[in-house]
Amino acid sequence: MAEAKVRTPKVPGVVKCAYCDGTGKHFGTACIVCGGTGKVEVVDSSRKCQWCKGRGYLMQGIPCTNCGGTGATRPIGKERLF
């Protein structure tokens, strides 16, 4: 198994989507994280949650486990690329 690349994102700005590696696609379908754009925006020191797209929920009534239902996550200094 190849080792994951680690880099420090520039804040604020736009960083390459870690889920689809900037392609906008995941196995031939639009990426669920960036919506097919290949990029995610980083504004101030928070950004939209990559799993719920800032809605705060995955399915009706179930809070997102990544952001705790807030719809935003904070960059932690290094981003893991898949």
C-alpha atoms as a PDB file:
ATOM      1  CA  MET A   1       0.000   0.000   0.000  1.00  0.00           C
ATOM      2  CA  ALA A   2       1.323   3.418  -0.927  1.00  0.00           C
ATOM      3  CA  GLU A   3       1.911   5.936   1.829  1.00  0.00           C
ATOM      4  CA  ALA A   4      -0.454   8.954   1.861  1.00  0.00           C
ATOM      5  CA  LYS A   5       0.906  12.358   0.924  1.00  0.00           C
ATOM      6  CA  VAL A   6       0.690  15.076   3.602  1.00  0.00           C
ATOM      7  CA  ARG A   7       0.742  18.805   2.903  1.00  0.00           C
ATOM      8  CA  THR A   8      -0.096  22.039   4.677  1.00  0.00           C
ATOM      9  CA  PRO A   9      -3.055  23.839   3.053  1.00  0.00           C
ATOM     10  CA  LYS A  10      -2.970  27.585   2.423  1.00  0.00           C
ATOM     11  CA  VAL A  11      -5.625  29.406   4.438  1.00  0.00           C
ATOM     12  CA  PRO A  12      -7.731  31.238   3.292  1.00  0.00           C
ATOM     13  CA  GLY A  13      -8.197  30.130  -0.287  1.00  0.00           C
ATOM     14  CA  VAL A  14      -9.031  27.035  -2.278  1.00  0.00           C
ATOM     15  CA  VAL A  15      -7.384  23.671  -1.686  1.00  0.00           C
ATOM     16  CA  LYS A  16      -7.521  20.501  -3.747  1.00  0.00           C
ATOM     17  CA  CYS A  17     -10.314  18.170  -2.669  1.00  0.00           C
ATOM     18  CA  ALA A  18      -8.748  15.386  -0.574  1.00  0.00           C
ATOM     19  CA  TYR A  19     -11.533  12.905  -1.302  1.00  0.00           C
ATOM     20  CA  CYS A  20     -11.254  12.898  -5.115  1.00  0.00           C
ATOM     21  CA  ASP A  21      -7.633  14.156  -5.363  1.00  0.00           C
ATOM     22  CA  GLY A  22      -8.793  17.187  -7.352  1.00  0.00           C
ATOM     23  CA  THR A  23     -10.413  15.211 -10.162  1.00  0.00           C
ATOM     24  CA  GLY A  24     -14.015  15.994  -9.198  1.00  0.00           C
ATOM     25  CA  LYS A  25     -14.927  12.348  -9.697  1.00  0.00           C
ATOM     26  CA  HIS A  26     -14.841   9.224  -7.576  1.00  0.00           C
ATOM     27  CA  PHE A  27     -15.115   5.962  -9.476  1.00  0.00           C
ATOM     28  CA  GLY A  28     -16.810   7.633 -12.448  1.00  0.00           C
ATOM     29  CA  THR A  29     -19.385   9.649 -10.500  1.00  0.00           C
ATOM     30  CA  ALA A  30     -19.352  13.218  -9.194  1.00  0.00           C
ATOM     31  CA  CYS A  31     -17.382  13.602  -5.967  1.00  0.00           C
ATOM     32  CA  ILE A  32     -19.585  13.799  -2.855  1.00  0.00           C
ATOM     33  CA  VAL A  33     -17.201  16.242  -1.169  1.00  0.00           C
ATOM     34  CA  CYS A  34     -16.508  18.930  -3.803  1.00  0.00           C
ATOM     35  CA  GLY A  35     -19.623  18.406  -5.935  1.00  0.00           C
ATOM     36  CA  GLY A  36     -17.569  17.664  -9.053  1.00  0.00           C
ATOM     37  CA  THR A  37     -15.434  20.822  -9.008  1.00  0.00           C
ATOM     38  CA  GLY A  38     -12.237  19.170  -7.728  1.00  0.00           C
ATOM     39  CA  LYS A  39     -11.695  21.949  -5.171  1.00  0.00           C
ATOM     40  CA  VAL A  40     -12.972  22.952  -1.752  1.00  0.00           C
ATOM     41  CA  GLU A  41     -12.942  26.515  -0.461  1.00  0.00           C
ATOM     42  CA  VAL A  42     -11.256  27.431   2.801  1.00  0.00           C
ATOM     43  CA  VAL A  43     -12.618  30.655   4.272  1.00  0.00           C
ATOM     44  CA  ASP A  44     -11.190  32.242   7.423  1.00  0.00           C
ATOM     45  CA  SER A  45     -10.200  29.374   9.701  1.00  0.00           C
ATOM     46  CA  SER A  46     -13.146  27.105   8.995  1.00  0.00           C
ATOM     47  CA  ARG A  47     -14.535  25.372   5.949  1.00  0.00           C
ATOM     48  CA  LYS A  48     -17.643  23.500   4.973  1.00  0.00           C
ATOM     49  CA  CYS A  49     -17.778  19.972   6.282  1.00  0.00           C
ATOM     50  CA  GLN A  50     -16.630  17.607   3.530  1.00  0.00           C
ATOM     51  CA  TRP A  51     -19.171  14.899   4.374  1.00  0.00           C
ATOM     52  CA  CYS A  52     -22.440  16.836   4.785  1.00  0.00           C
ATOM     53  CA  LYS A  53     -21.524  19.803   2.526  1.00  0.00           C
ATOM     54  CA  GLY A  54     -22.276  22.283   5.292  1.00  0.00           C
ATOM     55  CA  ARG A  55     -25.848  21.119   5.903  1.00  0.00           C
ATOM     56  CA  GLY A  56     -25.020  19.607   9.311  1.00  0.00           C
ATOM     57  CA  TYR A  57     -26.844  16.358   8.571  1.00  0.00           C
ATOM     58  CA  LEU A  58     -26.396  13.321   6.351  1.00  0.00           C
ATOM     59  CA  MET A  59     -29.970  12.056   6.337  1.00  0.00           C
ATOM     60  CA  GLN A  60     -32.983  13.788   7.808  1.00  0.00           C
ATOM     61  CA  GLY A  61     -32.642  13.911  11.593  1.00  0.00           C
ATOM     62  CA  ILE A  62     -29.176  12.316  11.802  1.00  0.00           C
ATOM     63  CA  PRO A  63     -26.348  14.782  12.661  1.00  0.00           C
ATOM     64  CA  CYS A  64     -23.129  14.568  10.651  1.00  0.00           C
ATOM     65  CA  THR A  65     -20.479  12.632  12.585  1.00  0.00           C
ATOM     66  CA  ASN A  66     -17.631  14.689  11.102  1.00  0.00           C
ATOM     67  CA  CYS A  67     -18.820  18.187  12.075  1.00  0.00           C
ATOM     68  CA  GLY A  68     -21.229  17.280  14.880  1.00  0.00           C
ATOM     69  CA  GLY A  69     -24.096  18.980  13.066  1.00  0.00           C
ATOM     70  CA  THR A  70     -22.458  22.416  12.853  1.00  0.00           C
ATOM     71  CA  GLY A  71     -21.794  22.248   9.102  1.00  0.00           C
ATOM     72  CA  ALA A  72     -18.179  23.459   9.439  1.00  0.00           C
ATOM     73  CA  THR A  73     -14.812  21.977  10.346  1.00  0.00           C
ATOM     74  CA  ARG A  74     -11.522  23.662  11.187  1.00  0.00           C
ATOM     75  CA  PRO A  75      -8.341  22.927   9.224  1.00  0.00           C
ATOM     76  CA  ILE A  76      -5.792  21.210  11.454  1.00  0.00           C
ATOM     77  CA  GLY A  77      -2.648  22.400   9.673  1.00  0.00           C
ATOM     78  CA  LYS A  78      -2.040  19.310   7.543  1.00  0.00           C
ATOM     79  CA  GLU A  79      -4.408  17.679   5.116  1.00  0.00           C
ATOM     80  CA  ARG A  80      -4.268  13.992   4.263  1.00  0.00           C
ATOM     81  CA  LEU A  81      -4.650  13.271   0.570  1.00  0.00           C
ATOM     82  CA  PHE A  82      -6.199   9.963  -0.424  1.00  0.00           C
END
